[in-house]
Amino acid sequence: MKIRMKKQFMIGALGLLLIWLSGCQQTVESEFVTQPVKEVLPTKENLTTQQNFLLLQKDSQLFPQSQGVYDVVKDQLTIVKQYVPALDTSKTRANAVVIEQKKLEQVKQDFKRSFPGLIYEDDPYKVYEQKFTQTTVELHPTYFILRAQPDFEQKFQFVDESDTKVTDENGTIYEIQYST
């Protein structure tokens, strides 16, 4: 009889323990409720309907720029770029100097367009950043124009009918990342 009562007590205690543990598990699960993430489909129209997007440099081809970012959040635009002069050693010394001068002139033109009001420094490791307001996007079938105040305007061509890749006037390729 004693053994039987001991077994019944153990089974009862085990049952209560399992009920208590299952209650703890349900409580933990209910504390960590996740919200569904809104997926933004990458289409050209998102440039005018989304408040936030990013143009992130993927390839600069022949233009001496090591990084480039255009970050649009609501009506604010932030541009970050770094120019890196690249010496072409395959040419003769005289030709290399001429090529470098042409590249430097191209960099200075891009700098003037991207950073009105800032002064270009001949430092290959300098990272430039400027913020703009009143950002607008004018969308066309094969390109769009990004405008902001004060005095910023840049045209981007869509690459191969892609809604996520564009090039600027220097041939630099950017990937468009949309967010909500």
N, C-alpha and C. Protein backbone atom coordinates (compact mmCIF):
# COMPACT_ATOMS: atom_id res chain seq x y z
N MET A 1 0.82 -1.17 0.00
CA MET A 1 0.00 0.00 0.00
C MET A 1 0.87 1.25 0.00
N LYS A 2 1.93 1.24 0.77
CA LYS A 2 2.84 2.36 0.84
C LYS A 2 3.49 2.63 -0.51
N ILE A 3 3.89 1.60 -1.20
CA ILE A 3 4.53 1.74 -2.50
C ILE A 3 3.53 2.29 -3.50
N ARG A 4 2.30 1.82 -3.41
CA ARG A 4 1.27 2.30 -4.32
C ARG A 4 1.00 3.77 -4.09
N MET A 5 0.93 4.25 -2.87
CA MET A 5 0.71 5.66 -2.57
C MET A 5 1.90 6.49 -3.02
N LYS A 6 3.08 5.93 -2.86
CA LYS A 6 4.28 6.64 -3.28
C LYS A 6 4.27 6.82 -4.80
N LYS A 7 3.87 5.79 -5.57
CA LYS A 7 3.78 5.87 -7.02
C LYS A 7 2.73 6.89 -7.43
N GLN A 8 1.57 6.89 -6.76
CA GLN A 8 0.51 7.84 -7.08
C GLN A 8 0.98 9.27 -6.79
N PHE A 9 1.68 9.45 -5.69
CA PHE A 9 2.20 10.77 -5.36
C PHE A 9 3.21 11.23 -6.42
N MET A 10 4.10 10.35 -6.84
CA MET A 10 5.10 10.69 -7.85
C MET A 10 4.44 11.02 -9.17
N ILE A 11 3.44 10.25 -9.57
CA ILE A 11 2.74 10.51 -10.83
C ILE A 11 2.00 11.85 -10.74
N GLY A 12 1.38 12.12 -9.63
CA GLY A 12 0.68 13.40 -9.43
C GLY A 12 1.65 14.58 -9.45
N ALA A 13 2.78 14.43 -8.76
CA ALA A 13 3.79 15.50 -8.73
C ALA A 13 4.37 15.72 -10.13
N LEU A 14 4.61 14.64 -10.86
CA LEU A 14 5.12 14.74 -12.22
C LEU A 14 4.10 15.43 -13.13
N GLY A 15 2.82 15.10 -12.94
CA GLY A 15 1.75 15.75 -13.72
C GLY A 15 1.70 17.24 -13.45
N LEU A 16 1.78 17.61 -12.17
CA LEU A 16 1.77 19.04 -11.81
C LEU A 16 2.99 19.75 -12.38
N LEU A 17 4.14 19.09 -12.33
CA LEU A 17 5.36 19.67 -12.88
C LEU A 17 5.23 19.90 -14.39
N LEU A 18 4.67 18.94 -15.10
CA LEU A 18 4.48 19.09 -16.55
C LEU A 18 3.50 20.22 -16.87
N ILE A 19 2.44 20.32 -16.11
CA ILE A 19 1.47 21.41 -16.31
C ILE A 19 2.14 22.75 -16.05
N TRP A 20 2.91 22.82 -14.99
CA TRP A 20 3.61 24.08 -14.65
C TRP A 20 4.62 24.44 -15.76
N LEU A 21 5.40 23.48 -16.25
CA LEU A 21 6.38 23.73 -17.31
C LEU A 21 5.71 24.14 -18.62
N SER A 22 4.58 23.51 -18.95
CA SER A 22 3.89 23.91 -20.18
C SER A 22 3.34 25.33 -20.06
N GLY A 23 2.95 25.74 -18.87
CA GLY A 23 2.51 27.11 -18.63
C GLY A 23 3.64 28.09 -18.81
N CYS A 24 4.83 27.74 -18.36
CA CYS A 24 6.00 28.60 -18.54
C CYS A 24 6.34 28.75 -20.01
N GLN A 25 6.25 27.66 -20.75
CA GLN A 25 6.57 27.69 -22.16
C GLN A 25 5.59 28.60 -22.90
N GLN A 26 4.33 28.53 -22.61
CA GLN A 26 3.34 29.39 -23.25
C GLN A 26 3.57 30.84 -22.90
N THR A 27 3.97 31.14 -21.69
CA THR A 27 4.24 32.51 -21.27
C THR A 27 5.42 33.08 -22.04
N VAL A 28 6.48 32.29 -22.19
CA VAL A 28 7.66 32.74 -22.91
C VAL A 28 7.31 33.00 -24.37
N GLU A 29 6.57 32.11 -24.99
CA GLU A 29 6.18 32.30 -26.38
C GLU A 29 5.35 33.55 -26.57
N SER A 30 4.47 33.85 -25.64
CA SER A 30 3.60 35.01 -25.79
C SER A 30 4.36 36.32 -25.58
N GLU A 31 5.51 36.28 -24.89
CA GLU A 31 6.28 37.49 -24.68
C GLU A 31 7.04 37.91 -25.95
N PHE A 32 7.37 36.99 -26.82
CA PHE A 32 8.17 37.28 -28.01
C PHE A 32 7.32 37.19 -29.27
N VAL A 33 6.39 38.09 -29.41
CA VAL A 33 5.54 38.13 -30.59
C VAL A 33 6.26 38.97 -31.65
N THR A 34 6.41 38.43 -32.84
CA THR A 34 7.09 39.17 -33.90
C THR A 34 6.07 39.81 -34.83
N GLN A 35 6.47 40.96 -35.36
CA GLN A 35 5.63 41.67 -36.31
C GLN A 35 6.07 41.29 -37.72
N PRO A 36 5.13 41.14 -38.65
CA PRO A 36 5.54 40.84 -40.02
C PRO A 36 6.30 42.03 -40.62
N VAL A 37 7.31 41.73 -41.42
CA VAL A 37 8.12 42.76 -42.05
C VAL A 37 7.49 43.13 -43.39
N LYS A 38 7.39 44.44 -43.65
CA LYS A 38 6.85 44.89 -44.92
C LYS A 38 7.93 44.77 -45.98
N GLU A 39 7.64 44.01 -47.01
CA GLU A 39 8.60 43.85 -48.09
C GLU A 39 8.31 44.90 -49.15
N VAL A 40 9.35 45.61 -49.57
CA VAL A 40 9.20 46.62 -50.59
C VAL A 40 9.71 46.04 -51.90
N LEU A 41 8.81 45.92 -52.86
CA LEU A 41 9.21 45.38 -54.16
C LEU A 41 10.03 46.42 -54.90
N PRO A 42 11.15 46.03 -55.47
CA PRO A 42 12.02 46.99 -56.16
C PRO A 42 11.47 47.38 -57.53
N THR A 43 10.79 48.50 -57.59
CA THR A 43 10.32 49.05 -58.86
C THR A 43 10.72 50.51 -58.95
N LYS A 44 10.82 51.00 -60.16
CA LYS A 44 11.20 52.39 -60.39
C LYS A 44 10.24 53.35 -59.68
N GLU A 45 8.98 52.98 -59.65
CA GLU A 45 7.96 53.84 -59.06
C GLU A 45 8.21 54.06 -57.57
N ASN A 46 8.93 53.14 -56.92
CA ASN A 46 9.26 53.31 -55.50
C ASN A 46 10.08 54.58 -55.25
N LEU A 47 10.81 55.03 -56.26
CA LEU A 47 11.63 56.23 -56.09
C LEU A 47 10.77 57.45 -55.77
N THR A 48 9.56 57.49 -56.28
CA THR A 48 8.70 58.63 -56.02
C THR A 48 7.67 58.37 -54.94
N THR A 49 7.40 57.08 -54.65
CA THR A 49 6.39 56.78 -53.63
C THR A 49 6.98 56.43 -52.27
N GLN A 50 8.21 55.93 -52.26
CA GLN A 50 8.86 55.59 -51.00
C GLN A 50 9.54 56.83 -50.43
N GLN A 51 9.55 56.93 -49.13
CA GLN A 51 10.21 58.07 -48.51
C GLN A 51 11.69 57.80 -48.30
N ASN A 52 12.10 56.56 -48.33
CA ASN A 52 13.49 56.22 -48.03
C ASN A 52 14.06 55.29 -49.10
N PHE A 53 15.22 55.66 -49.62
CA PHE A 53 15.97 54.76 -50.48
C PHE A 53 17.44 55.14 -50.43
N LEU A 54 18.26 54.20 -50.88
CA LEU A 54 19.71 54.36 -50.80
C LEU A 54 20.30 54.00 -52.16
N LEU A 55 21.22 54.82 -52.65
CA LEU A 55 22.01 54.48 -53.83
C LEU A 55 23.40 54.14 -53.32
N LEU A 56 23.80 52.90 -53.50
CA LEU A 56 25.06 52.41 -52.94
C LEU A 56 25.98 52.01 -54.09
N GLN A 57 27.17 52.61 -54.14
CA GLN A 57 28.11 52.34 -55.22
C GLN A 57 28.51 50.88 -55.25
N LYS A 58 28.46 50.29 -56.44
CA LYS A 58 28.87 48.90 -56.64
C LYS A 58 30.12 48.81 -57.51
N ASP A 59 30.27 49.72 -58.48
CA ASP A 59 31.42 49.67 -59.38
C ASP A 59 31.66 51.07 -59.92
N SER A 60 32.91 51.51 -59.89
CA SER A 60 33.20 52.85 -60.39
C SER A 60 33.85 52.83 -61.76
N GLN A 61 34.02 51.65 -62.34
CA GLN A 61 34.61 51.46 -63.66
C GLN A 61 35.88 52.30 -63.81
N LEU A 62 35.88 53.32 -64.65
CA LEU A 62 37.10 54.09 -64.90
C LEU A 62 37.18 55.37 -64.08
N PHE A 63 36.13 55.67 -63.32
CA PHE A 63 36.12 56.90 -62.53
C PHE A 63 36.79 56.65 -61.18
N PRO A 64 37.74 57.50 -60.77
CA PRO A 64 38.50 57.26 -59.53
C PRO A 64 37.72 57.63 -58.26
N GLN A 65 36.76 56.79 -57.92
CA GLN A 65 35.95 57.00 -56.72
C GLN A 65 35.88 55.67 -55.98
N SER A 66 36.31 55.64 -54.72
CA SER A 66 36.34 54.37 -54.00
C SER A 66 35.02 54.07 -53.31
N GLN A 67 34.26 55.10 -52.93
CA GLN A 67 32.95 54.86 -52.34
C GLN A 67 32.02 56.01 -52.67
N GLY A 68 30.75 55.67 -52.80
CA GLY A 68 29.73 56.68 -53.08
C GLY A 68 28.39 56.21 -52.58
N VAL A 69 27.71 57.08 -51.83
CA VAL A 69 26.40 56.76 -51.28
C VAL A 69 25.51 57.99 -51.38
N TYR A 70 24.27 57.77 -51.84
CA TYR A 70 23.23 58.79 -51.81
C TYR A 70 22.14 58.21 -50.91
N ASP A 71 21.90 58.82 -49.77
CA ASP A 71 20.94 58.31 -48.79
C ASP A 71 19.78 59.29 -48.69
N VAL A 72 18.58 58.84 -49.12
CA VAL A 72 17.39 59.68 -49.07
C VAL A 72 16.48 59.16 -47.97
N VAL A 73 16.21 60.01 -46.99
CA VAL A 73 15.29 59.70 -45.90
C VAL A 73 14.28 60.84 -45.85
N LYS A 74 13.04 60.50 -46.21
CA LYS A 74 11.96 61.49 -46.35
C LYS A 74 12.41 62.54 -47.35
N ASP A 75 12.57 63.80 -46.95
CA ASP A 75 13.01 64.82 -47.91
C ASP A 75 14.46 65.24 -47.67
N GLN A 76 15.20 64.44 -46.91
CA GLN A 76 16.60 64.73 -46.61
C GLN A 76 17.51 63.84 -47.48
N LEU A 77 18.54 64.44 -48.05
CA LEU A 77 19.53 63.72 -48.85
C LEU A 77 20.90 63.89 -48.22
N THR A 78 21.60 62.78 -48.04
CA THR A 78 22.98 62.83 -47.58
C THR A 78 23.84 62.15 -48.63
N ILE A 79 24.89 62.84 -49.07
CA ILE A 79 25.83 62.28 -50.04
C ILE A 79 27.16 62.06 -49.34
N VAL A 80 27.72 60.87 -49.52
CA VAL A 80 29.04 60.54 -48.98
C VAL A 80 29.87 59.96 -50.13
N LYS A 81 31.05 60.54 -50.35
CA LYS A 81 31.93 60.05 -51.41
C LYS A 81 33.38 60.13 -50.97
N GLN A 82 34.17 59.26 -51.58
CA GLN A 82 35.63 59.32 -51.40
C GLN A 82 36.25 59.11 -52.78
N TYR A 83 37.11 60.03 -53.15
CA TYR A 83 37.80 59.95 -54.44
C TYR A 83 39.20 59.42 -54.22
N VAL A 84 39.64 58.50 -55.09
CA VAL A 84 40.97 57.94 -54.98
C VAL A 84 41.64 58.03 -56.34
N PRO A 85 42.68 58.83 -56.45
CA PRO A 85 43.39 58.89 -57.73
C PRO A 85 44.12 57.57 -57.99
N ALA A 86 43.99 57.08 -59.20
CA ALA A 86 44.64 55.82 -59.56
C ALA A 86 45.66 56.08 -60.65
N LEU A 87 46.90 55.79 -60.38
CA LEU A 87 47.97 56.01 -61.34
C LEU A 87 48.01 54.87 -62.33
N ASP A 88 47.98 55.19 -63.61
CA ASP A 88 48.05 54.20 -64.67
C ASP A 88 49.52 53.99 -65.04
N THR A 89 50.11 52.93 -64.54
CA THR A 89 51.54 52.69 -64.75
C THR A 89 51.83 52.03 -66.08
N SER A 90 50.82 51.63 -66.83
CA SER A 90 51.06 50.98 -68.12
C SER A 90 51.43 51.99 -69.20
N LYS A 91 51.21 53.25 -68.97
CA LYS A 91 51.54 54.30 -69.94
C LYS A 91 52.92 54.87 -69.65
N THR A 92 53.43 55.60 -70.61
CA THR A 92 54.70 56.27 -70.36
C THR A 92 54.49 57.33 -69.30
N ARG A 93 55.55 57.82 -68.74
CA ARG A 93 55.47 58.81 -67.66
C ARG A 93 54.74 60.07 -68.11
N ALA A 94 55.01 60.56 -69.30
CA ALA A 94 54.37 61.78 -69.80
C ALA A 94 52.87 61.54 -69.99
N ASN A 95 52.52 60.40 -70.57
CA ASN A 95 51.10 60.08 -70.77
C ASN A 95 50.39 59.88 -69.43
N ALA A 96 51.07 59.28 -68.45
CA ALA A 96 50.48 59.06 -67.14
C ALA A 96 50.12 60.38 -66.48
N VAL A 97 50.97 61.37 -66.62
CA VAL A 97 50.69 62.69 -66.03
C VAL A 97 49.46 63.31 -66.69
N VAL A 98 49.37 63.21 -68.01
CA VAL A 98 48.21 63.77 -68.73
C VAL A 98 46.93 63.05 -68.30
N ILE A 99 46.99 61.73 -68.20
CA ILE A 99 45.81 60.94 -67.78
C ILE A 99 45.39 61.32 -66.37
N GLU A 100 46.37 61.46 -65.47
CA GLU A 100 46.05 61.83 -64.09
C GLU A 100 45.44 63.22 -64.02
N GLN A 101 45.92 64.13 -64.84
CA GLN A 101 45.35 65.48 -64.86
C GLN A 101 43.90 65.45 -65.34
N LYS A 102 43.61 64.61 -66.35
CA LYS A 102 42.23 64.48 -66.85
C LYS A 102 41.33 63.88 -65.77
N LYS A 103 41.83 62.86 -65.08
CA LYS A 103 41.04 62.24 -64.02
C LYS A 103 40.79 63.22 -62.88
N LEU A 104 41.81 63.99 -62.52
CA LEU A 104 41.66 64.99 -61.46
C LEU A 104 40.63 66.04 -61.85
N GLU A 105 40.63 66.46 -63.10
CA GLU A 105 39.64 67.43 -63.57
C GLU A 105 38.23 66.84 -63.51
N GLN A 106 38.11 65.56 -63.88
CA GLN A 106 36.82 64.87 -63.81
C GLN A 106 36.34 64.77 -62.35
N VAL A 107 37.25 64.47 -61.44
CA VAL A 107 36.91 64.40 -60.02
C VAL A 107 36.45 65.77 -59.52
N LYS A 108 37.16 66.82 -59.89
CA LYS A 108 36.79 68.17 -59.45
C LYS A 108 35.43 68.59 -59.99
N GLN A 109 35.09 68.19 -61.21
CA GLN A 109 33.76 68.49 -61.76
C GLN A 109 32.68 67.75 -60.99
N ASP A 110 32.92 66.47 -60.71
CA ASP A 110 31.95 65.69 -59.93
C ASP A 110 31.82 66.26 -58.53
N PHE A 111 32.94 66.64 -57.93
CA PHE A 111 32.93 67.22 -56.58
C PHE A 111 32.10 68.50 -56.55
N LYS A 112 32.31 69.36 -57.52
CA LYS A 112 31.58 70.63 -57.57
C LYS A 112 30.08 70.38 -57.70
N ARG A 113 29.69 69.37 -58.50
CA ARG A 113 28.28 69.03 -58.69
C ARG A 113 27.70 68.38 -57.43
N SER A 114 28.48 67.51 -56.77
CA SER A 114 27.96 66.76 -55.62
C SER A 114 28.04 67.52 -54.30
N PHE A 115 29.01 68.42 -54.18
CA PHE A 115 29.24 69.09 -52.90
C PHE A 115 29.33 70.60 -53.07
N PRO A 116 28.25 71.24 -53.50
CA PRO A 116 28.31 72.70 -53.65
C PRO A 116 28.57 73.35 -52.28
N GLY A 117 29.50 74.29 -52.26
CA GLY A 117 29.81 74.97 -51.01
C GLY A 117 30.99 74.39 -50.26
N LEU A 118 31.39 73.14 -50.57
CA LEU A 118 32.57 72.56 -49.93
C LEU A 118 33.80 72.81 -50.79
N ILE A 119 34.95 72.72 -50.18
CA ILE A 119 36.21 72.93 -50.88
C ILE A 119 36.92 71.59 -51.06
N TYR A 120 37.33 71.32 -52.30
CA TYR A 120 38.04 70.08 -52.60
C TYR A 120 39.45 70.13 -52.01
N GLU A 121 39.83 69.04 -51.33
CA GLU A 121 41.17 68.93 -50.78
C GLU A 121 41.90 67.83 -51.53
N ASP A 122 43.14 68.04 -51.83
CA ASP A 122 43.93 67.07 -52.59
C ASP A 122 44.44 65.97 -51.66
N ASP A 123 43.50 65.33 -50.96
CA ASP A 123 43.81 64.25 -50.02
C ASP A 123 43.06 63.01 -50.50
N PRO A 124 43.76 61.98 -50.99
CA PRO A 124 43.08 60.82 -51.56
C PRO A 124 42.29 60.01 -50.55
N TYR A 125 42.46 60.26 -49.26
CA TYR A 125 41.75 59.48 -48.25
C TYR A 125 40.65 60.29 -47.56
N LYS A 126 40.40 61.48 -48.04
CA LYS A 126 39.37 62.35 -47.46
C LYS A 126 37.99 61.83 -47.87
N VAL A 127 37.10 61.70 -46.90
CA VAL A 127 35.72 61.31 -47.15
C VAL A 127 34.87 62.57 -47.04
N TYR A 128 34.12 62.86 -48.08
CA TYR A 128 33.29 64.06 -48.12
C TYR A 128 31.85 63.68 -47.83
N GLU A 129 31.18 64.55 -47.09
CA GLU A 129 29.76 64.32 -46.76
C GLU A 129 29.05 65.66 -46.76
N GLN A 130 27.85 65.67 -47.35
CA GLN A 130 27.03 66.88 -47.32
C GLN A 130 25.57 66.48 -47.26
N LYS A 131 24.81 67.26 -46.51
CA LYS A 131 23.38 67.02 -46.34
C LYS A 131 22.60 68.09 -47.10
N PHE A 132 21.47 67.65 -47.67
CA PHE A 132 20.60 68.54 -48.43
C PHE A 132 19.17 68.36 -47.93
N THR A 133 18.32 69.32 -48.24
CA THR A 133 16.91 69.26 -47.86
C THR A 133 16.04 69.39 -49.11
N GLN A 134 14.74 69.26 -48.91
CA GLN A 134 13.75 69.41 -49.97
C GLN A 134 14.07 68.53 -51.18
N THR A 135 14.34 67.28 -50.91
CA THR A 135 14.72 66.33 -51.95
C THR A 135 13.51 65.89 -52.76
N THR A 136 13.67 65.88 -54.08
CA THR A 136 12.62 65.41 -54.97
C THR A 136 13.22 64.47 -56.01
N VAL A 137 12.36 63.61 -56.56
CA VAL A 137 12.78 62.69 -57.61
C VAL A 137 11.86 62.90 -58.80
N GLU A 138 12.45 63.14 -59.96
CA GLU A 138 11.70 63.27 -61.20
C GLU A 138 11.96 61.99 -62.01
N LEU A 139 10.94 61.15 -62.13
CA LEU A 139 11.09 59.83 -62.73
C LEU A 139 10.73 59.86 -64.22
N HIS A 140 11.59 59.26 -65.04
CA HIS A 140 11.37 59.10 -66.48
C HIS A 140 11.53 57.62 -66.79
N PRO A 141 11.11 57.15 -67.97
CA PRO A 141 11.18 55.71 -68.27
C PRO A 141 12.58 55.11 -68.18
N THR A 142 13.63 55.83 -68.59
CA THR A 142 14.97 55.25 -68.61
C THR A 142 15.93 55.91 -67.63
N TYR A 143 15.50 56.94 -66.92
CA TYR A 143 16.37 57.64 -65.98
C TYR A 143 15.53 58.37 -64.95
N PHE A 144 16.21 58.88 -63.91
CA PHE A 144 15.55 59.78 -62.97
C PHE A 144 16.52 60.88 -62.58
N ILE A 145 15.96 61.99 -62.14
CA ILE A 145 16.76 63.13 -61.70
C ILE A 145 16.50 63.34 -60.21
N LEU A 146 17.58 63.36 -59.45
CA LEU A 146 17.52 63.60 -58.01
C LEU A 146 17.88 65.06 -57.77
N ARG A 147 16.96 65.79 -57.12
CA ARG A 147 17.20 67.22 -56.85
C ARG A 147 17.04 67.47 -55.35
N ALA A 148 17.82 68.45 -54.86
CA ALA A 148 17.72 68.84 -53.45
C ALA A 148 18.25 70.26 -53.31
N GLN A 149 17.96 70.85 -52.17
CA GLN A 149 18.42 72.21 -51.89
C GLN A 149 19.54 72.17 -50.88
N PRO A 150 20.58 72.94 -51.01
CA PRO A 150 20.76 73.99 -52.00
C PRO A 150 21.50 73.50 -53.25
N ASP A 151 20.97 73.78 -54.39
CA ASP A 151 21.64 73.62 -55.69
C ASP A 151 22.22 72.24 -55.99
N PHE A 152 21.46 71.17 -55.77
CA PHE A 152 21.95 69.85 -56.15
C PHE A 152 21.01 69.25 -57.18
N GLU A 153 21.62 68.68 -58.24
CA GLU A 153 20.86 67.97 -59.26
C GLU A 153 21.77 66.91 -59.87
N GLN A 154 21.29 65.67 -59.93
CA GLN A 154 22.08 64.58 -60.49
C GLN A 154 21.16 63.65 -61.27
N LYS A 155 21.59 63.28 -62.46
CA LYS A 155 20.83 62.37 -63.32
C LYS A 155 21.41 60.96 -63.18
N PHE A 156 20.51 59.97 -63.05
CA PHE A 156 20.90 58.57 -62.96
C PHE A 156 20.15 57.79 -64.04
N GLN A 157 20.89 57.02 -64.86
CA GLN A 157 20.31 56.18 -65.91
C GLN A 157 20.08 54.78 -65.36
N PHE A 158 18.92 54.19 -65.65
CA PHE A 158 18.68 52.80 -65.27
C PHE A 158 19.53 51.89 -66.17
N VAL A 159 20.11 50.84 -65.60
CA VAL A 159 20.98 49.92 -66.33
C VAL A 159 20.15 48.74 -66.82
N ASP A 160 20.18 48.50 -68.12
CA ASP A 160 19.53 47.32 -68.73
C ASP A 160 18.10 47.11 -68.25
N GLU A 161 17.31 48.15 -68.24
CA GLU A 161 15.91 48.09 -67.80
C GLU A 161 15.75 47.55 -66.38
N SER A 162 16.80 47.67 -65.59
CA SER A 162 16.76 47.23 -64.19
C SER A 162 16.08 48.29 -63.34
N ASP A 163 15.37 47.85 -62.33
CA ASP A 163 14.76 48.79 -61.38
C ASP A 163 15.65 48.99 -60.15
N THR A 164 16.79 48.29 -60.11
CA THR A 164 17.64 48.37 -58.93
C THR A 164 19.07 48.80 -59.23
N LYS A 165 19.44 49.02 -60.50
CA LYS A 165 20.80 49.46 -60.83
C LYS A 165 20.74 50.68 -61.72
N VAL A 166 21.58 51.66 -61.37
CA VAL A 166 21.66 52.90 -62.15
C VAL A 166 23.12 53.31 -62.31
N THR A 167 23.38 54.17 -63.29
CA THR A 167 24.71 54.77 -63.45
C THR A 167 24.57 56.28 -63.39
N ASP A 168 25.63 56.94 -62.91
CA ASP A 168 25.63 58.40 -62.92
C ASP A 168 26.37 58.88 -64.17
N GLU A 169 26.61 60.17 -64.25
CA GLU A 169 27.25 60.76 -65.43
C GLU A 169 28.70 60.32 -65.60
N ASN A 170 29.32 59.77 -64.56
CA ASN A 170 30.70 59.30 -64.62
C ASN A 170 30.80 57.82 -64.98
N GLY A 171 29.67 57.14 -65.13
CA GLY A 171 29.68 55.71 -65.39
C GLY A 171 29.75 54.86 -64.14
N THR A 172 29.67 55.49 -62.98
CA THR A 172 29.69 54.74 -61.71
C THR A 172 28.35 54.03 -61.54
N ILE A 173 28.40 52.75 -61.19
CA ILE A 173 27.18 51.96 -61.03
C ILE A 173 26.77 51.96 -59.56
N TYR A 174 25.48 52.23 -59.34
CA TYR A 174 24.89 52.23 -57.99
C TYR A 174 23.75 51.21 -57.95
N GLU A 175 23.59 50.60 -56.79
CA GLU A 175 22.45 49.72 -56.54
C GLU A 175 21.44 50.50 -55.71
N ILE A 176 20.17 50.40 -56.08
CA ILE A 176 19.11 51.08 -55.33
C ILE A 176 18.56 50.10 -54.29
N GLN A 177 18.55 50.55 -53.04
CA GLN A 177 17.96 49.76 -51.97
C GLN A 177 16.80 50.56 -51.41
N TYR A 178 15.60 49.99 -51.50
CA TYR A 178 14.40 50.64 -51.01
C TYR A 178 14.09 50.19 -49.60
N SER A 179 13.53 51.09 -48.79
CA SER A 179 13.10 50.71 -47.45
C SER A 179 11.86 51.52 -47.09
N THR A 180 11.21 51.08 -46.02
CA THR A 180 10.00 51.78 -45.59
C THR A 180 10.29 52.66 -44.41
